[in-house]
């Protein structure tokens, strides 16, 4: 009888120890996930946009995944270390994230492989990425966020002096089709390629405050254009990110003429 009770007590103690051993890693993982979510939320407040292009250098993989999952940003990770890239790629696969939302790139961070004024935000802890190089790639009013331990230091690229809008059919309300922009000069380069590649007719694009607005009419010459008929599309004017889409009213005349 005594031996049976002792055996039962030992078995109970063993089971209790096993529960503790199993639960502790789970609790630690939950705490890490909560910390990553909080960190990502703090970074997103500084980014200030929910859609666009965000470059990340030298951040924890859990924070990177949380940035992707907590927003509609396309996150471009620059990671020179092959082992670190492999760990992040494996974590992304396990989280079910595809290349349309998370792009993991090799290469130096001293010179970013992006066009001028293309990126909405740069998040980095790497001193090899200088402020000057980050600002070159950032669009006007884009955010450079440096992480120093628990501290975030944010700088923003100033608005572009000399940049002009084209807010009406003939440039402005005065119908004088002459641009006042003094920033864009030859040689003229393509800034981005973005869907839809094919649109219906007639169509018109206006630009204001760093955004473009594409109004698409009611005529399609091919099936590929059908889904984009009678639509108004607002984009980020620096990288083509679609900000929102709305159907145009029935019978709306896209061209005033």
C-alpha atoms as a PDB file:
ATOM      1  CA  UNK A   1       0.000   0.000   0.000  1.00  0.00           C
ATOM      2  CA  UNK A   2       2.803   2.399   0.974  1.00  0.00           C
ATOM      3  CA  UNK A   3       4.744   1.603  -2.192  1.00  0.00           C
ATOM      4  CA  UNK A   4       1.651   2.215  -4.357  1.00  0.00           C
ATOM      5  CA  UNK A   5       1.056   5.609  -2.770  1.00  0.00           C
ATOM      6  CA  UNK A   6       4.732   6.538  -3.164  1.00  0.00           C
ATOM      7  CA  UNK A   7       4.703   5.479  -6.810  1.00  0.00           C
ATOM      8  CA  UNK A   8       1.544   7.506  -7.451  1.00  0.00           C
ATOM      9  CA  UNK A   9       3.057  10.535  -5.749  1.00  0.00           C
ATOM     10  CA  UNK A  10       6.267  10.243  -7.771  1.00  0.00           C
ATOM     11  CA  UNK A  11       4.274   9.888 -10.965  1.00  0.00           C
ATOM     12  CA  UNK A  12       2.270  13.010 -10.106  1.00  0.00           C
ATOM     13  CA  UNK A  13       5.449  14.980  -9.389  1.00  0.00           C
ATOM     14  CA  UNK A  14       6.966  13.812 -12.670  1.00  0.00           C
ATOM     15  CA  UNK A  15       3.884  14.839 -14.637  1.00  0.00           C
ATOM     16  CA  UNK A  16       3.881  18.248 -12.901  1.00  0.00           C
ATOM     17  CA  UNK A  17       7.552  18.741 -13.806  1.00  0.00           C
ATOM     18  CA  UNK A  18       6.841  17.795 -17.434  1.00  0.00           C
ATOM     19  CA  UNK A  19       3.986  20.320 -17.562  1.00  0.00           C
ATOM     20  CA  UNK A  20       6.347  23.018 -16.261  1.00  0.00           C
ATOM     21  CA  UNK A  21       9.024  22.080 -18.798  1.00  0.00           C
ATOM     22  CA  UNK A  22       6.530  22.234 -21.685  1.00  0.00           C
ATOM     23  CA  UNK A  23       4.686  25.358 -20.551  1.00  0.00           C
ATOM     24  CA  UNK A  24       7.767  27.504 -19.913  1.00  0.00           C
ATOM     25  CA  UNK A  25       8.906  27.589 -23.589  1.00  0.00           C
ATOM     26  CA  UNK A  26       5.336  28.325 -24.674  1.00  0.00           C
ATOM     27  CA  UNK A  27       5.077  31.198 -22.220  1.00  0.00           C
ATOM     28  CA  UNK A  28       8.457  32.533 -23.371  1.00  0.00           C
ATOM     29  CA  UNK A  29       7.382  32.298 -27.010  1.00  0.00           C
ATOM     30  CA  UNK A  30       4.131  34.128 -26.242  1.00  0.00           C
ATOM     31  CA  UNK A  31       6.053  36.863 -24.426  1.00  0.00           C
ATOM     32  CA  UNK A  32       8.451  37.218 -27.375  1.00  0.00           C
ATOM     33  CA  UNK A  33       5.533  37.441 -29.813  1.00  0.00           C
ATOM     34  CA  UNK A  34       3.835  40.106 -27.687  1.00  0.00           C
ATOM     35  CA  UNK A  35       7.068  42.112 -27.487  1.00  0.00           C
ATOM     36  CA  UNK A  36       7.532  41.868 -31.288  1.00  0.00           C
ATOM     37  CA  UNK A  37       3.951  43.014 -31.887  1.00  0.00           C
ATOM     38  CA  UNK A  38       4.428  45.998 -29.582  1.00  0.00           C
ATOM     39  CA  UNK A  39       7.697  46.917 -31.285  1.00  0.00           C
ATOM     40  CA  UNK A  40       6.136  46.666 -34.741  1.00  0.00           C
ATOM     41  CA  UNK A  41       3.213  48.842 -33.629  1.00  0.00           C
ATOM     42  CA  UNK A  42       5.628  51.532 -32.439  1.00  0.00           C
ATOM     43  CA  UNK A  43       7.467  51.447 -35.767  1.00  0.00           C
ATOM     44  CA  UNK A  44       4.251  51.634 -37.787  1.00  0.00           C
ATOM     45  CA  UNK A  45       3.208  54.755 -35.886  1.00  0.00           C
ATOM     46  CA  UNK A  46       6.403  56.399 -37.109  1.00  0.00           C
ATOM     47  CA  UNK A  47       5.966  55.112 -40.676  1.00  0.00           C
ATOM     48  CA  UNK A  48       2.517  56.784 -40.786  1.00  0.00           C
ATOM     49  CA  UNK A  49       1.311  54.913 -43.891  1.00  0.00           C
ATOM     50  CA  UNK A  50      -0.308  51.497 -44.099  1.00  0.00           C
ATOM     51  CA  UNK A  51       0.477  50.834 -47.769  1.00  0.00           C
ATOM     52  CA  UNK A  52       3.730  51.372 -49.620  1.00  0.00           C
ATOM     53  CA  UNK A  53       7.380  50.284 -49.675  1.00  0.00           C
ATOM     54  CA  UNK A  54       9.321  49.869 -46.428  1.00  0.00           C
ATOM     55  CA  UNK A  55      13.040  49.020 -46.370  1.00  0.00           C
ATOM     56  CA  UNK A  56      14.258  47.180 -43.257  1.00  0.00           C
ATOM     57  CA  UNK A  57      17.913  46.696 -42.267  1.00  0.00           C
ATOM     58  CA  UNK A  58      19.163  44.955 -39.127  1.00  0.00           C
ATOM     59  CA  UNK A  59      15.896  44.132 -37.343  1.00  0.00           C
ATOM     60  CA  UNK A  60      14.725  41.084 -35.399  1.00  0.00           C
ATOM     61  CA  UNK A  61      12.943  38.502 -37.632  1.00  0.00           C
ATOM     62  CA  UNK A  62       9.875  38.444 -35.358  1.00  0.00           C
ATOM     63  CA  UNK A  63       9.527  42.226 -35.680  1.00  0.00           C
ATOM     64  CA  UNK A  64       9.895  42.020 -39.468  1.00  0.00           C
ATOM     65  CA  UNK A  65       7.171  39.382 -39.750  1.00  0.00           C
ATOM     66  CA  UNK A  66       4.917  41.423 -37.477  1.00  0.00           C
ATOM     67  CA  UNK A  67       5.443  44.523 -39.661  1.00  0.00           C
ATOM     68  CA  UNK A  68       4.224  42.548 -42.666  1.00  0.00           C
ATOM     69  CA  UNK A  69       1.291  40.926 -40.891  1.00  0.00           C
ATOM     70  CA  UNK A  70       0.118  44.109 -39.131  1.00  0.00           C
ATOM     71  CA  UNK A  71       0.030  46.310 -42.238  1.00  0.00           C
ATOM     72  CA  UNK A  72      -0.354  46.295 -46.010  1.00  0.00           C
ATOM     73  CA  UNK A  73       3.242  47.418 -46.515  1.00  0.00           C
ATOM     74  CA  UNK A  74       5.575  45.625 -48.899  1.00  0.00           C
ATOM     75  CA  UNK A  75       8.675  45.053 -46.750  1.00  0.00           C
ATOM     76  CA  UNK A  76      12.066  44.960 -48.493  1.00  0.00           C
ATOM     77  CA  UNK A  77      14.722  43.442 -46.216  1.00  0.00           C
ATOM     78  CA  UNK A  78      18.415  44.125 -46.914  1.00  0.00           C
ATOM     79  CA  UNK A  79      20.459  41.442 -45.150  1.00  0.00           C
ATOM     80  CA  UNK A  80      24.153  40.872 -46.015  1.00  0.00           C
ATOM     81  CA  UNK A  81      24.489  37.811 -43.733  1.00  0.00           C
ATOM     82  CA  UNK A  82      23.518  34.531 -45.443  1.00  0.00           C
ATOM     83  CA  UNK A  83      22.647  32.722 -42.192  1.00  0.00           C
ATOM     84  CA  UNK A  84      20.375  35.555 -41.078  1.00  0.00           C
ATOM     85  CA  UNK A  85      18.654  35.545 -44.488  1.00  0.00           C
ATOM     86  CA  UNK A  86      18.065  31.799 -44.242  1.00  0.00           C
ATOM     87  CA  UNK A  87      16.502  32.127 -40.768  1.00  0.00           C
ATOM     88  CA  UNK A  88      14.199  34.906 -41.928  1.00  0.00           C
ATOM     89  CA  UNK A  89      13.215  33.002 -45.075  1.00  0.00           C
ATOM     90  CA  UNK A  90      12.335  29.924 -43.020  1.00  0.00           C
ATOM     91  CA  UNK A  91      10.282  32.024 -40.599  1.00  0.00           C
ATOM     92  CA  UNK A  92       8.483  33.670 -43.530  1.00  0.00           C
ATOM     93  CA  UNK A  93       7.651  30.283 -45.050  1.00  0.00           C
ATOM     94  CA  UNK A  94       6.288  29.025 -41.729  1.00  0.00           C
ATOM     95  CA  UNK A  95       4.184  32.199 -41.431  1.00  0.00           C
ATOM     96  CA  UNK A  96       2.804  31.733 -44.958  1.00  0.00           C
ATOM     97  CA  UNK A  97       4.209  35.009 -46.294  1.00  0.00           C
ATOM     98  CA  UNK A  98       4.947  35.260 -50.010  1.00  0.00           C
ATOM     99  CA  UNK A  99       7.304  37.451 -52.018  1.00  0.00           C
ATOM    100  CA  UNK A 100       4.455  39.871 -52.798  1.00  0.00           C
ATOM    101  CA  UNK A 101       4.627  41.158 -49.202  1.00  0.00           C
ATOM    102  CA  UNK A 102       8.140  40.291 -48.002  1.00  0.00           C
ATOM    103  CA  UNK A 103      11.245  40.517 -50.196  1.00  0.00           C
ATOM    104  CA  UNK A 104      14.528  39.314 -48.645  1.00  0.00           C
ATOM    105  CA  UNK A 105      17.594  40.636 -50.468  1.00  0.00           C
ATOM    106  CA  UNK A 106      21.331  40.084 -50.135  1.00  0.00           C
ATOM    107  CA  UNK A 107      23.979  42.738 -50.712  1.00  0.00           C
ATOM    108  CA  UNK A 108      25.599  45.715 -49.056  1.00  0.00           C
ATOM    109  CA  UNK A 109      23.545  48.308 -47.198  1.00  0.00           C
ATOM    110  CA  UNK A 110      25.965  51.127 -47.992  1.00  0.00           C
ATOM    111  CA  UNK A 111      24.197  51.751 -51.301  1.00  0.00           C
ATOM    112  CA  UNK A 112      20.522  50.853 -51.635  1.00  0.00           C
ATOM    113  CA  UNK A 113      19.417  49.459 -55.037  1.00  0.00           C
ATOM    114  CA  UNK A 114      16.363  51.711 -55.298  1.00  0.00           C
ATOM    115  CA  UNK A 115      15.537  54.742 -57.402  1.00  0.00           C
ATOM    116  CA  UNK A 116      15.553  58.242 -55.931  1.00  0.00           C
ATOM    117  CA  UNK A 117      12.372  59.232 -54.079  1.00  0.00           C
ATOM    118  CA  UNK A 118      10.912  55.687 -54.262  1.00  0.00           C
ATOM    119  CA  UNK A 119      10.650  54.368 -50.671  1.00  0.00           C
ATOM    120  CA  UNK A 120       8.044  55.332 -48.052  1.00  0.00           C
ATOM    121  CA  UNK A 121      10.077  54.338 -44.979  1.00  0.00           C
ATOM    122  CA  UNK A 122      13.528  53.033 -44.022  1.00  0.00           C
ATOM    123  CA  UNK A 123      13.918  51.218 -40.689  1.00  0.00           C
ATOM    124  CA  UNK A 124      17.510  50.460 -39.706  1.00  0.00           C
ATOM    125  CA  UNK A 125      19.888  49.795 -36.841  1.00  0.00           C
ATOM    126  CA  UNK A 126      22.917  49.490 -39.132  1.00  0.00           C
ATOM    127  CA  UNK A 127      25.354  52.440 -39.020  1.00  0.00           C
ATOM    128  CA  UNK A 128      26.716  51.454 -42.452  1.00  0.00           C
ATOM    129  CA  UNK A 129      23.526  52.814 -43.982  1.00  0.00           C
ATOM    130  CA  UNK A 130      24.086  56.563 -43.872  1.00  0.00           C
ATOM    131  CA  UNK A 131      21.386  59.173 -43.491  1.00  0.00           C
ATOM    132  CA  UNK A 132      22.339  60.585 -46.886  1.00  0.00           C
ATOM    133  CA  UNK A 133      21.811  57.286 -48.717  1.00  0.00           C
ATOM    134  CA  UNK A 134      18.535  56.596 -46.894  1.00  0.00           C
ATOM    135  CA  UNK A 135      17.226  60.094 -47.665  1.00  0.00           C
ATOM    136  CA  UNK A 136      18.127  59.674 -51.342  1.00  0.00           C
ATOM    137  CA  UNK A 137      15.874  56.634 -51.634  1.00  0.00           C
ATOM    138  CA  UNK A 138      13.063  58.074 -49.498  1.00  0.00           C
ATOM    139  CA  UNK A 139      10.182  59.925 -51.109  1.00  0.00           C
ATOM    140  CA  UNK A 140       9.400  63.440 -49.850  1.00  0.00           C
ATOM    141  CA  UNK A 141       7.954  63.205 -46.304  1.00  0.00           C
ATOM    142  CA  UNK A 142       9.150  59.592 -46.098  1.00  0.00           C
ATOM    143  CA  UNK A 143      10.518  58.405 -42.725  1.00  0.00           C
ATOM    144  CA  UNK A 144      14.020  57.284 -41.754  1.00  0.00           C
ATOM    145  CA  UNK A 145      13.662  55.407 -38.456  1.00  0.00           C
ATOM    146  CA  UNK A 146      16.810  54.414 -36.590  1.00  0.00           C
ATOM    147  CA  UNK A 147      16.422  51.871 -33.794  1.00  0.00           C
ATOM    148  CA  UNK A 148      18.920  52.222 -30.955  1.00  0.00           C
ATOM    149  CA  UNK A 149      17.963  49.634 -28.337  1.00  0.00           C
ATOM    150  CA  UNK A 150      14.516  50.645 -27.118  1.00  0.00           C
ATOM    151  CA  UNK A 151      14.830  54.131 -28.626  1.00  0.00           C
ATOM    152  CA  UNK A 152      13.441  55.198 -32.003  1.00  0.00           C
ATOM    153  CA  UNK A 153      14.960  58.218 -33.756  1.00  0.00           C
ATOM    154  CA  UNK A 154      12.909  59.432 -36.732  1.00  0.00           C
ATOM    155  CA  UNK A 155      13.853  61.866 -39.474  1.00  0.00           C
ATOM    156  CA  UNK A 156      11.727  62.799 -42.477  1.00  0.00           C
ATOM    157  CA  UNK A 157      12.759  63.811 -45.939  1.00  0.00           C
ATOM    158  CA  UNK A 158      11.636  67.404 -46.550  1.00  0.00           C
ATOM    159  CA  UNK A 159       8.973  68.216 -49.125  1.00  0.00           C
ATOM    160  CA  UNK A 160      10.320  68.574 -52.647  1.00  0.00           C
ATOM    161  CA  UNK A 161      10.854  72.219 -53.556  1.00  0.00           C
ATOM    162  CA  UNK A 162       9.885  72.960 -57.133  1.00  0.00           C
ATOM    163  CA  UNK A 163       7.617  69.927 -57.519  1.00  0.00           C
ATOM    164  CA  UNK A 164       4.474  70.778 -59.467  1.00  0.00           C
ATOM    165  CA  UNK A 165       0.952  69.345 -59.488  1.00  0.00           C
ATOM    166  CA  UNK A 166      -1.266  68.586 -62.499  1.00  0.00           C
ATOM    167  CA  UNK A 167      -4.619  68.643 -60.776  1.00  0.00           C
ATOM    168  CA  UNK A 168      -6.949  69.334 -63.739  1.00  0.00           C
ATOM    169  CA  UNK A 169      -7.485  68.312 -67.360  1.00  0.00           C
ATOM    170  CA  UNK A 170      -5.259  71.144 -68.621  1.00  0.00           C
ATOM    171  CA  UNK A 171      -2.870  71.394 -65.665  1.00  0.00           C
ATOM    172  CA  UNK A 172      -4.904  73.765 -63.448  1.00  0.00           C
ATOM    173  CA  UNK A 173      -8.212  75.628 -63.194  1.00  0.00           C
ATOM    174  CA  UNK A 174      -6.885  78.249 -65.656  1.00  0.00           C
ATOM    175  CA  UNK A 175      -6.534  75.593 -68.418  1.00  0.00           C
ATOM    176  CA  UNK A 176      -2.956  76.668 -69.141  1.00  0.00           C
ATOM    177  CA  UNK A 177      -1.228  73.337 -70.073  1.00  0.00           C
ATOM    178  CA  UNK A 178       2.268  74.354 -68.950  1.00  0.00           C
ATOM    179  CA  UNK A 179       3.855  72.534 -66.024  1.00  0.00           C
ATOM    180  CA  UNK A 180       5.501  74.551 -63.274  1.00  0.00           C
ATOM    181  CA  UNK A 181       7.591  71.571 -62.130  1.00  0.00           C
ATOM    182  CA  UNK A 182      11.324  72.295 -61.934  1.00  0.00           C
ATOM    183  CA  UNK A 183      12.448  68.986 -60.381  1.00  0.00           C
ATOM    184  CA  UNK A 184      12.050  66.497 -63.218  1.00  0.00           C
ATOM    185  CA  UNK A 185      14.694  67.040 -65.884  1.00  0.00           C
ATOM    186  CA  UNK A 186      16.324  65.048 -68.683  1.00  0.00           C
ATOM    187  CA  UNK A 187      17.358  62.304 -68.949  1.00  0.00           C
ATOM    188  CA  UNK A 188      13.812  61.127 -68.177  1.00  0.00           C
ATOM    189  CA  UNK A 189      13.725  57.754 -66.406  1.00  0.00           C
ATOM    190  CA  UNK A 190      10.875  55.378 -65.584  1.00  0.00           C
ATOM    191  CA  UNK A 191      10.093  55.674 -61.865  1.00  0.00           C
ATOM    192  CA  UNK A 192       8.046  52.466 -61.484  1.00  0.00           C
ATOM    193  CA  UNK A 193       5.973  49.832 -63.266  1.00  0.00           C
ATOM    194  CA  UNK A 194       2.678  48.892 -61.647  1.00  0.00           C
ATOM    195  CA  UNK A 195      -0.571  47.134 -62.453  1.00  0.00           C
ATOM    196  CA  UNK A 196      -2.911  47.480 -64.215  1.00  0.00           C
ATOM    197  CA  UNK A 197      -0.713  47.315 -67.307  1.00  0.00           C
ATOM    198  CA  UNK A 198      -3.768  47.548 -69.580  1.00  0.00           C
ATOM    199  CA  UNK A 199      -6.679  49.918 -69.131  1.00  0.00           C
ATOM    200  CA  UNK A 200      -9.829  50.890 -70.972  1.00  0.00           C
ATOM    201  CA  UNK A 201     -10.624  54.096 -72.836  1.00  0.00           C
ATOM    202  CA  UNK A 202     -10.890  56.999 -72.552  1.00  0.00           C
ATOM    203  CA  UNK A 203      -8.607  57.681 -69.590  1.00  0.00           C
ATOM    204  CA  UNK A 204      -6.942  60.598 -67.854  1.00  0.00           C
ATOM    205  CA  UNK A 205      -4.339  60.932 -65.078  1.00  0.00           C
ATOM    206  CA  UNK A 206      -3.966  63.881 -62.724  1.00  0.00           C
ATOM    207  CA  UNK A 207      -1.354  64.404 -60.009  1.00  0.00           C
ATOM    208  CA  UNK A 208      -1.417  66.289 -56.699  1.00  0.00           C
ATOM    209  CA  UNK A 209       0.349  66.151 -53.317  1.00  0.00           C
ATOM    210  CA  UNK A 210       2.524  63.195 -54.282  1.00  0.00           C
ATOM    211  CA  UNK A 211      -0.402  61.122 -55.568  1.00  0.00           C
ATOM    212  CA  UNK A 212      -1.758  60.281 -59.003  1.00  0.00           C
ATOM    213  CA  UNK A 213      -5.424  59.738 -59.875  1.00  0.00           C
ATOM    214  CA  UNK A 214      -6.320  57.598 -62.882  1.00  0.00           C
ATOM    215  CA  UNK A 215      -9.865  57.773 -64.239  1.00  0.00           C
ATOM    216  CA  UNK A 216     -10.689  54.931 -66.665  1.00  0.00           C
ATOM    217  CA  UNK A 217     -13.612  55.127 -69.085  1.00  0.00           C
ATOM    218  CA  UNK A 218     -16.115  52.602 -70.436  1.00  0.00           C
ATOM    219  CA  UNK A 219     -14.506  51.239 -73.638  1.00  0.00           C
ATOM    220  CA  UNK A 220     -12.489  47.991 -73.770  1.00  0.00           C
ATOM    221  CA  UNK A 221     -10.790  46.530 -76.836  1.00  0.00           C
ATOM    222  CA  UNK A 222      -9.688  43.310 -75.090  1.00  0.00           C
ATOM    223  CA  UNK A 223     -11.015  41.059 -72.324  1.00  0.00           C
ATOM    224  CA  UNK A 224      -7.986  41.920 -70.151  1.00  0.00           C
ATOM    225  CA  UNK A 225      -9.350  45.472 -69.755  1.00  0.00           C
ATOM    226  CA  UNK A 226     -12.868  44.583 -68.647  1.00  0.00           C
ATOM    227  CA  UNK A 227     -12.298  44.534 -64.872  1.00  0.00           C
ATOM    228  CA  UNK A 228     -10.798  48.042 -64.908  1.00  0.00           C
ATOM    229  CA  UNK A 229     -13.600  49.851 -66.734  1.00  0.00           C
ATOM    230  CA  UNK A 230     -15.365  52.809 -65.087  1.00  0.00           C
ATOM    231  CA  UNK A 231     -12.868  52.993 -62.233  1.00  0.00           C
ATOM    232  CA  UNK A 232     -10.961  55.687 -60.335  1.00  0.00           C
ATOM    233  CA  UNK A 233      -7.554  54.584 -58.984  1.00  0.00           C
ATOM    234  CA  UNK A 234      -5.458  56.620 -56.523  1.00  0.00           C
ATOM    235  CA  UNK A 235      -1.746  55.804 -56.318  1.00  0.00           C
ATOM    236  CA  UNK A 236       1.356  56.827 -54.469  1.00  0.00           C
ATOM    237  CA  UNK A 237       2.980  59.014 -57.116  1.00  0.00           C
ATOM    238  CA  UNK A 238       6.516  57.938 -56.205  1.00  0.00           C
ATOM    239  CA  UNK A 239       6.247  54.130 -56.296  1.00  0.00           C
ATOM    240  CA  UNK A 240       2.840  53.275 -57.775  1.00  0.00           C
ATOM    241  CA  UNK A 241       1.299  51.696 -54.667  1.00  0.00           C
ATOM    242  CA  UNK A 242      -2.488  51.633 -55.038  1.00  0.00           C
ATOM    243  CA  UNK A 243      -3.952  53.631 -52.152  1.00  0.00           C
ATOM    244  CA  UNK A 244      -7.614  53.070 -53.010  1.00  0.00           C
ATOM    245  CA  UNK A 245      -9.996  52.291 -55.886  1.00  0.00           C
ATOM    246  CA  UNK A 246     -13.581  53.410 -56.461  1.00  0.00           C
ATOM    247  CA  UNK A 247     -16.139  52.783 -59.204  1.00  0.00           C
ATOM    248  CA  UNK A 248     -17.075  55.821 -61.270  1.00  0.00           C
ATOM    249  CA  UNK A 249     -20.773  56.800 -61.419  1.00  0.00           C
ATOM    250  CA  UNK A 250     -22.856  55.318 -64.227  1.00  0.00           C
ATOM    251  CA  UNK A 251     -22.437  57.383 -67.377  1.00  0.00           C
ATOM    252  CA  UNK A 252     -19.505  59.377 -66.033  1.00  0.00           C
ATOM    253  CA  UNK A 253     -17.670  61.241 -68.813  1.00  0.00           C
ATOM    254  CA  UNK A 254     -13.946  60.734 -68.252  1.00  0.00           C
ATOM    255  CA  UNK A 255     -12.911  63.150 -71.011  1.00  0.00           C
ATOM    256  CA  UNK A 256     -14.484  66.585 -70.831  1.00  0.00           C
ATOM    257  CA  UNK A 257     -14.308  66.742 -74.649  1.00  0.00           C
END
